[in-house]
Amino acid sequence: MYIESFVNVTSRAWALPILSSLHSGVAGRQAPLLAATGASRTAFAQSMDHLIKLGLLERNPGYGHPLRPEFRLTPRGLEAAAIADKVQRVASKDDQDLLRKSWTLPVLTSLQAPSRFNDIKRNLRTITDRALSQSLKSMETREWVHRRVDETARPPRSIYSAVNTGKLISRVAGPEISFVQH
């Protein structure tokens, strides 16, 4: 999956848990997915609409009731759901709040090797300096990212590395994401 597509998918808080749930066999209807993800109805509906617009989900045309539609993964959705499921499996329940933040996963994906701030920003073209800084700080607080200052460089530079759960997530998601568009 190309990084810009990945950024779009992760821009909605509940998109990854929905995709992961569908991948692991939860029925593609609202009630089972709400129970599996723990999302509010409004946030869930927004995430479902978002996934449909991205072409990752579609209404199942062979399923009956119009007020209780069933959804299924598209071929592109199958790929995204597999990635989402891998990430969800390595993260604990306590990690879900940080995983639902927009830039957490794209930043971790770009941290497969220790990187400087500008290298991360270059990989994630649409991220602002503020969003990247806040994302790195929140992951540093959770001990998913370690910041080291290279004093030998002029001016001194911060080098960020994925550690602990952040490293596990980076290892799982990183190989699935391409930073070069084919």
Protein backbone atom coordinates (compact mmCIF):
# COMPACT_ATOMS: atom_id res chain seq x y z
CA MET A 1 0.00 0.00 0.00
CA TYR A 2 1.27 3.46 -0.86
CA ILE A 3 1.94 5.78 2.11
CA GLU A 4 -0.60 8.43 1.02
CA SER A 5 -3.34 5.77 0.93
CA PHE A 6 -2.24 4.59 4.37
CA VAL A 7 -2.39 8.17 5.69
CA ASN A 8 -5.92 8.50 4.29
CA VAL A 9 -7.06 5.26 5.90
CA THR A 10 -5.64 6.15 9.31
CA SER A 11 -7.08 9.68 9.26
CA ARG A 12 -10.31 8.37 10.81
CA ALA A 13 -10.03 7.08 14.35
CA TRP A 14 -12.10 3.92 13.93
CA ALA A 15 -11.08 2.91 10.40
CA LEU A 16 -8.32 0.53 11.50
CA PRO A 17 -10.38 -1.26 14.18
CA ILE A 18 -13.25 -1.67 11.68
CA LEU A 19 -10.94 -3.10 9.00
CA SER A 20 -9.27 -5.38 11.53
CA SER A 21 -12.62 -6.64 12.81
CA LEU A 22 -13.82 -7.43 9.30
CA HIS A 23 -10.55 -9.22 8.57
CA SER A 24 -10.88 -11.36 11.68
CA GLY A 25 -14.40 -12.49 10.77
CA VAL A 26 -16.78 -10.08 12.51
CA ALA A 27 -20.00 -9.79 10.51
CA GLY A 28 -20.13 -6.69 8.31
CA ARG A 29 -23.20 -5.19 9.96
CA GLN A 30 -23.41 -2.20 12.26
CA ALA A 31 -24.27 -3.93 15.56
CA PRO A 32 -21.50 -6.57 15.51
CA LEU A 33 -18.91 -4.03 14.32
CA LEU A 34 -19.94 -1.50 16.99
CA ALA A 35 -19.62 -4.18 19.65
CA ALA A 36 -16.23 -5.32 18.33
CA THR A 37 -14.71 -1.84 18.03
CA GLY A 38 -16.31 0.05 20.92
CA ALA A 39 -16.85 3.12 18.72
CA SER A 40 -19.72 5.56 19.18
CA ARG A 41 -22.44 5.41 16.52
CA THR A 42 -21.51 8.79 15.06
CA ALA A 43 -17.76 8.12 14.86
CA PHE A 44 -18.48 4.63 13.51
CA ALA A 45 -20.76 5.99 10.77
CA GLN A 46 -18.18 8.61 9.77
CA SER A 47 -15.43 5.98 9.61
CA MET A 48 -17.62 3.62 7.55
CA ASP A 49 -18.46 6.43 5.10
CA HIS A 50 -14.77 7.27 4.87
CA LEU A 51 -13.82 3.64 4.13
CA ILE A 52 -16.53 3.43 1.45
CA LYS A 53 -15.28 6.66 -0.18
CA LEU A 54 -11.74 5.25 -0.20
CA GLY A 55 -13.03 2.15 -1.98
CA LEU A 56 -12.09 -0.24 0.83
CA LEU A 57 -15.67 -1.21 1.76
CA GLU A 58 -18.87 -1.66 -0.21
CA ARG A 59 -22.46 -2.55 0.58
CA ASN A 60 -23.14 -6.22 0.04
CA PRO A 61 -25.65 -6.14 -2.84
CA GLY A 62 -26.96 -9.62 -2.04
CA TYR A 63 -27.92 -8.81 1.55
CA GLY A 64 -31.55 -7.98 2.33
CA HIS A 65 -32.75 -5.27 4.69
CA PRO A 66 -32.14 -1.65 3.56
CA LEU A 67 -32.13 -0.28 7.12
CA ARG A 68 -29.57 -2.84 8.28
CA PRO A 69 -27.10 -3.07 5.42
CA GLU A 70 -24.19 -5.45 5.40
CA PHE A 71 -20.76 -4.31 4.25
CA ARG A 72 -17.88 -6.27 2.79
CA LEU A 73 -14.27 -5.59 1.97
CA THR A 74 -13.30 -4.75 -1.61
CA PRO A 75 -10.10 -6.25 -3.09
CA ARG A 76 -8.22 -3.09 -2.02
CA GLY A 77 -9.92 -3.34 1.35
CA LEU A 78 -8.63 -6.87 1.86
CA GLU A 79 -5.04 -5.59 1.68
CA ALA A 80 -5.74 -2.71 4.08
CA ALA A 81 -7.63 -5.01 6.47
CA ALA A 82 -4.71 -7.44 6.61
CA ILE A 83 -2.36 -4.60 7.61
CA ALA A 84 -4.88 -3.28 10.15
CA ASP A 85 -5.24 -6.71 11.70
CA LYS A 86 -1.48 -7.17 12.04
CA VAL A 87 -1.22 -3.81 13.83
CA GLN A 88 -4.17 -4.54 16.11
CA ARG A 89 -2.68 -7.90 17.10
CA VAL A 90 0.60 -6.41 18.37
CA ALA A 91 -1.06 -3.52 20.23
CA SER A 92 -2.74 -3.93 23.59
CA LYS A 93 -6.14 -2.56 24.60
CA ASP A 94 -4.36 0.26 26.44
CA ASP A 95 -2.63 1.31 23.20
CA GLN A 96 -5.81 1.83 21.20
CA ASP A 97 -6.23 5.51 22.09
CA LEU A 98 -2.81 6.35 20.66
CA LEU A 99 -3.35 4.14 17.60
CA ARG A 100 -6.56 6.02 16.78
CA LYS A 101 -4.67 9.33 16.45
CA SER A 102 -4.25 10.38 12.82
CA TRP A 103 -0.49 10.39 12.44
CA THR A 104 0.65 7.69 14.87
CA LEU A 105 0.78 4.81 12.40
CA PRO A 106 2.22 6.71 9.44
CA VAL A 107 4.99 8.13 11.66
CA LEU A 108 5.79 4.70 13.11
CA THR A 109 5.82 3.23 9.62
CA SER A 110 8.45 5.76 8.58
CA LEU A 111 10.58 4.89 11.64
CA GLN A 112 11.78 1.49 10.41
CA ALA A 113 15.28 2.92 10.91
CA PRO A 114 16.38 5.79 13.19
CA SER A 115 15.42 9.04 11.44
CA ARG A 116 15.69 12.77 11.83
CA PHE A 117 12.63 15.01 12.00
CA ASN A 118 13.05 16.25 8.40
CA ASP A 119 13.49 12.69 7.09
CA ILE A 120 10.18 11.68 8.65
CA LYS A 121 8.54 14.83 7.29
CA ARG A 122 9.90 14.08 3.81
CA ASN A 123 8.35 10.59 3.91
CA LEU A 124 5.00 11.99 5.05
CA ARG A 125 4.60 14.90 2.66
CA THR A 126 1.23 16.13 3.95
CA ILE A 127 2.13 16.24 7.65
CA THR A 128 2.68 19.64 9.22
CA ASP A 129 5.61 20.38 11.52
CA ARG A 130 3.20 20.81 14.42
CA ALA A 131 1.38 17.53 13.78
CA LEU A 132 4.67 15.64 13.49
CA SER A 133 6.05 17.22 16.63
CA GLN A 134 2.90 16.45 18.64
CA SER A 135 2.78 12.90 17.32
CA LEU A 136 6.42 12.27 18.23
CA LYS A 137 5.91 13.78 21.70
CA SER A 138 2.84 11.65 22.44
CA MET A 139 4.65 8.50 21.32
CA GLU A 140 7.74 9.49 23.30
CA THR A 141 5.58 9.91 26.41
CA ARG A 142 4.13 6.42 25.84
CA GLU A 143 7.68 5.10 25.25
CA TRP A 144 6.96 4.04 21.67
CA VAL A 145 9.59 6.44 20.33
CA HIS A 146 13.00 7.32 21.74
CA ARG A 147 14.58 10.70 20.99
CA ARG A 148 18.35 11.00 21.00
CA VAL A 149 20.23 14.25 20.37
CA ASP A 150 23.30 13.99 18.14
CA GLU A 151 25.62 16.53 19.78
CA THR A 152 28.38 15.98 17.20
CA ALA A 153 26.28 17.48 14.41
CA ARG A 154 26.16 21.24 13.92
CA PRO A 155 23.54 22.26 14.79
CA PRO A 156 22.69 19.36 17.11
CA ARG A 157 19.97 17.11 15.65
CA SER A 158 17.32 14.92 17.16
CA ILE A 159 17.21 11.34 15.98
CA TYR A 160 14.03 9.36 16.57
CA SER A 161 13.79 5.58 16.87
CA ALA A 162 10.79 3.32 17.33
CA VAL A 163 11.08 1.31 20.57
CA ASN A 164 8.96 -1.16 22.57
CA THR A 165 5.40 -1.37 21.16
CA GLY A 166 6.23 1.32 18.61
CA LYS A 167 8.99 -0.88 17.21
CA LEU A 168 6.67 -3.90 17.01
CA ILE A 169 4.09 -1.83 15.13
CA SER A 170 6.77 -0.37 12.85
CA ARG A 171 8.08 -3.87 12.04
CA VAL A 172 4.59 -5.17 11.27
CA ALA A 173 3.27 -2.23 9.21
CA GLY A 174 6.51 -0.92 7.70
CA PRO A 175 7.16 -3.66 5.12
CA GLU A 176 3.56 -3.36 3.88
CA ILE A 177 3.85 0.36 3.08
CA SER A 178 5.65 1.84 0.08
CA PHE A 179 7.07 5.35 0.16
CA VAL A 180 7.60 5.34 -3.62
CA GLN A 181 4.50 5.39 -5.82
CA HIS A 182 4.47 2.68 -8.49
